[in-house]
Amino acid sequence: MKQRDEYIVECKVHNPRPVNLICDATFYGKRKDKLGTLVFKDIPIQMCHFHQKKIVQRYITLRPKLEAGKDFKKIVSRLTRTTEKNFIILILESELHIEV
């Protein structure tokens, strides 16, 4: 039977795996000097579709009277259910009043 001092313990080599850090932040308002925009200044910020729709709604109201406002409301209402390519086509159609 071996004594405690007779055992040879191999050194463990620790190879940590790379870690990807994902930050999620919510920004309110449009001031650029807020702490969040200063901390994440090199990271592109994208506003969620809900807040984009709410901002447009605030400016054109729920029942726009002008034809341009009505077209814009239709486009923005489809924002969450469309692709980037189709969204650009919708904008071009409304700007130029043409069918693409």
C-alpha atoms as a PDB file:
ATOM      1  CA  MET A   1       0.000   0.000   0.000  1.00  0.00           C
ATOM      2  CA  LYS A   2       1.328   3.402  -1.010  1.00  0.00           C
ATOM      3  CA  GLN A   3       1.738   6.193   1.424  1.00  0.00           C
ATOM      4  CA  ARG A   4       0.284   9.592   0.783  1.00  0.00           C
ATOM      5  CA  ASP A   5       3.648  11.077  -0.147  1.00  0.00           C
ATOM      6  CA  GLU A   6       4.315   8.381  -2.726  1.00  0.00           C
ATOM      7  CA  TYR A   7       1.501   9.432  -5.083  1.00  0.00           C
ATOM      8  CA  ILE A   8       2.533  11.616  -7.999  1.00  0.00           C
ATOM      9  CA  VAL A   9      -0.009  14.251  -8.834  1.00  0.00           C
ATOM     10  CA  GLU A  10       0.169  15.575 -12.356  1.00  0.00           C
ATOM     11  CA  CYS A  11      -0.214  19.286 -12.798  1.00  0.00           C
ATOM     12  CA  LYS A  12      -3.486  20.228 -14.391  1.00  0.00           C
ATOM     13  CA  VAL A  13      -3.207  22.459 -17.394  1.00  0.00           C
ATOM     14  CA  HIS A  14      -6.102  24.858 -17.605  1.00  0.00           C
ATOM     15  CA  ASN A  15      -6.974  25.966 -21.123  1.00  0.00           C
ATOM     16  CA  PRO A  16      -9.927  28.317 -20.853  1.00  0.00           C
ATOM     17  CA  ARG A  17     -12.229  28.495 -23.823  1.00  0.00           C
ATOM     18  CA  PRO A  18     -12.816  31.846 -25.504  1.00  0.00           C
ATOM     19  CA  VAL A  19     -15.791  33.759 -24.182  1.00  0.00           C
ATOM     20  CA  ASN A  20     -18.054  35.976 -26.258  1.00  0.00           C
ATOM     21  CA  LEU A  21     -19.638  38.770 -24.296  1.00  0.00           C
ATOM     22  CA  ILE A  22     -23.013  39.956 -25.500  1.00  0.00           C
ATOM     23  CA  CYS A  23     -24.359  43.176 -24.074  1.00  0.00           C
ATOM     24  CA  ASP A  24     -28.006  44.091 -24.225  1.00  0.00           C
ATOM     25  CA  ALA A  25     -28.973  47.630 -23.409  1.00  0.00           C
ATOM     26  CA  THR A  26     -32.110  49.682 -23.709  1.00  0.00           C
ATOM     27  CA  PHE A  27     -31.788  53.348 -24.561  1.00  0.00           C
ATOM     28  CA  TYR A  28     -34.580  55.830 -24.140  1.00  0.00           C
ATOM     29  CA  GLY A  29     -34.656  59.223 -25.753  1.00  0.00           C
ATOM     30  CA  LYS A  30     -32.407  60.735 -28.348  1.00  0.00           C
ATOM     31  CA  ARG A  31     -29.715  62.581 -26.391  1.00  0.00           C
ATOM     32  CA  LYS A  32     -26.229  61.471 -27.367  1.00  0.00           C
ATOM     33  CA  ASP A  33     -24.562  62.415 -24.086  1.00  0.00           C
ATOM     34  CA  LYS A  34     -26.334  59.804 -21.965  1.00  0.00           C
ATOM     35  CA  LEU A  35     -24.216  57.275 -20.110  1.00  0.00           C
ATOM     36  CA  GLY A  36     -25.275  54.324 -22.298  1.00  0.00           C
ATOM     37  CA  THR A  37     -24.287  56.015 -25.525  1.00  0.00           C
ATOM     38  CA  LEU A  38     -20.968  57.065 -24.008  1.00  0.00           C
ATOM     39  CA  VAL A  39     -20.161  53.562 -22.748  1.00  0.00           C
ATOM     40  CA  PHE A  40     -21.200  51.815 -25.982  1.00  0.00           C
ATOM     41  CA  LYS A  41     -20.010  54.572 -28.331  1.00  0.00           C
ATOM     42  CA  ASP A  42     -18.199  52.204 -30.740  1.00  0.00           C
ATOM     43  CA  ILE A  43     -21.086  49.720 -30.941  1.00  0.00           C
ATOM     44  CA  PRO A  44     -23.876  50.362 -33.452  1.00  0.00           C
ATOM     45  CA  ILE A  45     -27.274  50.866 -31.840  1.00  0.00           C
ATOM     46  CA  GLN A  46     -30.499  49.682 -33.427  1.00  0.00           C
ATOM     47  CA  MET A  47     -33.912  50.729 -32.205  1.00  0.00           C
ATOM     48  CA  CYS A  48     -36.557  48.016 -31.939  1.00  0.00           C
ATOM     49  CA  HIS A  49     -39.500  47.969 -34.361  1.00  0.00           C
ATOM     50  CA  PHE A  50     -42.008  48.748 -31.618  1.00  0.00           C
ATOM     51  CA  HIS A  51     -40.294  52.012 -30.698  1.00  0.00           C
ATOM     52  CA  GLN A  52     -39.781  52.936 -34.352  1.00  0.00           C
ATOM     53  CA  LYS A  53     -43.514  52.510 -34.950  1.00  0.00           C
ATOM     54  CA  LYS A  54     -44.383  54.541 -31.843  1.00  0.00           C
ATOM     55  CA  ILE A  55     -42.171  57.445 -32.941  1.00  0.00           C
ATOM     56  CA  VAL A  56     -43.760  57.515 -36.396  1.00  0.00           C
ATOM     57  CA  GLN A  57     -47.209  57.282 -34.815  1.00  0.00           C
ATOM     58  CA  ARG A  58     -46.413  60.268 -32.593  1.00  0.00           C
ATOM     59  CA  TYR A  59     -45.541  62.428 -35.605  1.00  0.00           C
ATOM     60  CA  ILE A  60     -48.270  61.381 -38.062  1.00  0.00           C
ATOM     61  CA  THR A  61     -51.039  60.625 -35.489  1.00  0.00           C
ATOM     62  CA  LEU A  62     -53.363  57.625 -35.540  1.00  0.00           C
ATOM     63  CA  ARG A  63     -55.528  59.064 -38.345  1.00  0.00           C
ATOM     64  CA  PRO A  64     -53.320  61.033 -40.733  1.00  0.00           C
ATOM     65  CA  LYS A  65     -55.137  63.444 -43.048  1.00  0.00           C
ATOM     66  CA  LEU A  66     -52.442  63.934 -45.679  1.00  0.00           C
ATOM     67  CA  GLU A  67     -51.942  61.324 -48.382  1.00  0.00           C
ATOM     68  CA  ALA A  68     -48.226  61.083 -47.556  1.00  0.00           C
ATOM     69  CA  GLY A  69     -49.037  60.395 -43.898  1.00  0.00           C
ATOM     70  CA  LYS A  70     -51.484  57.656 -44.888  1.00  0.00           C
ATOM     71  CA  ASP A  71     -48.891  56.001 -47.135  1.00  0.00           C
ATOM     72  CA  PHE A  72     -46.247  56.275 -44.451  1.00  0.00           C
ATOM     73  CA  LYS A  73     -48.564  54.714 -41.879  1.00  0.00           C
ATOM     74  CA  LYS A  74     -49.180  51.732 -44.214  1.00  0.00           C
ATOM     75  CA  ILE A  75     -45.455  51.254 -44.716  1.00  0.00           C
ATOM     76  CA  VAL A  76     -44.631  51.428 -41.019  1.00  0.00           C
ATOM     77  CA  SER A  77     -47.485  49.070 -40.108  1.00  0.00           C
ATOM     78  CA  ARG A  78     -45.791  46.410 -42.281  1.00  0.00           C
ATOM     79  CA  LEU A  79     -42.384  47.028 -40.711  1.00  0.00           C
ATOM     80  CA  THR A  80     -42.390  43.950 -38.465  1.00  0.00           C
ATOM     81  CA  ARG A  81     -43.753  41.600 -41.128  1.00  0.00           C
ATOM     82  CA  THR A  82     -41.417  42.394 -44.026  1.00  0.00           C
ATOM     83  CA  THR A  83     -37.822  41.974 -45.120  1.00  0.00           C
ATOM     84  CA  GLU A  84     -35.370  44.817 -45.662  1.00  0.00           C
ATOM     85  CA  LYS A  85     -35.597  44.447 -49.449  1.00  0.00           C
ATOM     86  CA  ASN A  86     -39.410  44.577 -49.497  1.00  0.00           C
ATOM     87  CA  PHE A  87     -39.425  47.509 -47.067  1.00  0.00           C
ATOM     88  CA  ILE A  88     -37.153  49.533 -49.371  1.00  0.00           C
ATOM     89  CA  ILE A  89     -39.395  48.699 -52.333  1.00  0.00           C
ATOM     90  CA  LEU A  90     -42.434  49.942 -50.381  1.00  0.00           C
ATOM     91  CA  ILE A  91     -40.666  53.190 -49.571  1.00  0.00           C
ATOM     92  CA  LEU A  92     -39.691  53.713 -53.212  1.00  0.00           C
ATOM     93  CA  GLU A  93     -43.254  53.014 -54.338  1.00  0.00           C
ATOM     94  CA  SER A  94     -44.654  55.575 -51.938  1.00  0.00           C
ATOM     95  CA  GLU A  95     -42.019  58.204 -52.812  1.00  0.00           C
ATOM     96  CA  LEU A  96     -42.288  57.850 -56.566  1.00  0.00           C
ATOM     97  CA  HIS A  97     -45.898  56.628 -56.746  1.00  0.00           C
ATOM     98  CA  ILE A  98     -44.804  53.812 -59.039  1.00  0.00           C
ATOM     99  CA  GLU A  99     -45.213  50.060 -58.962  1.00  0.00           C
ATOM    100  CA  VAL A 100     -41.875  48.222 -58.621  1.00  0.00           C
END
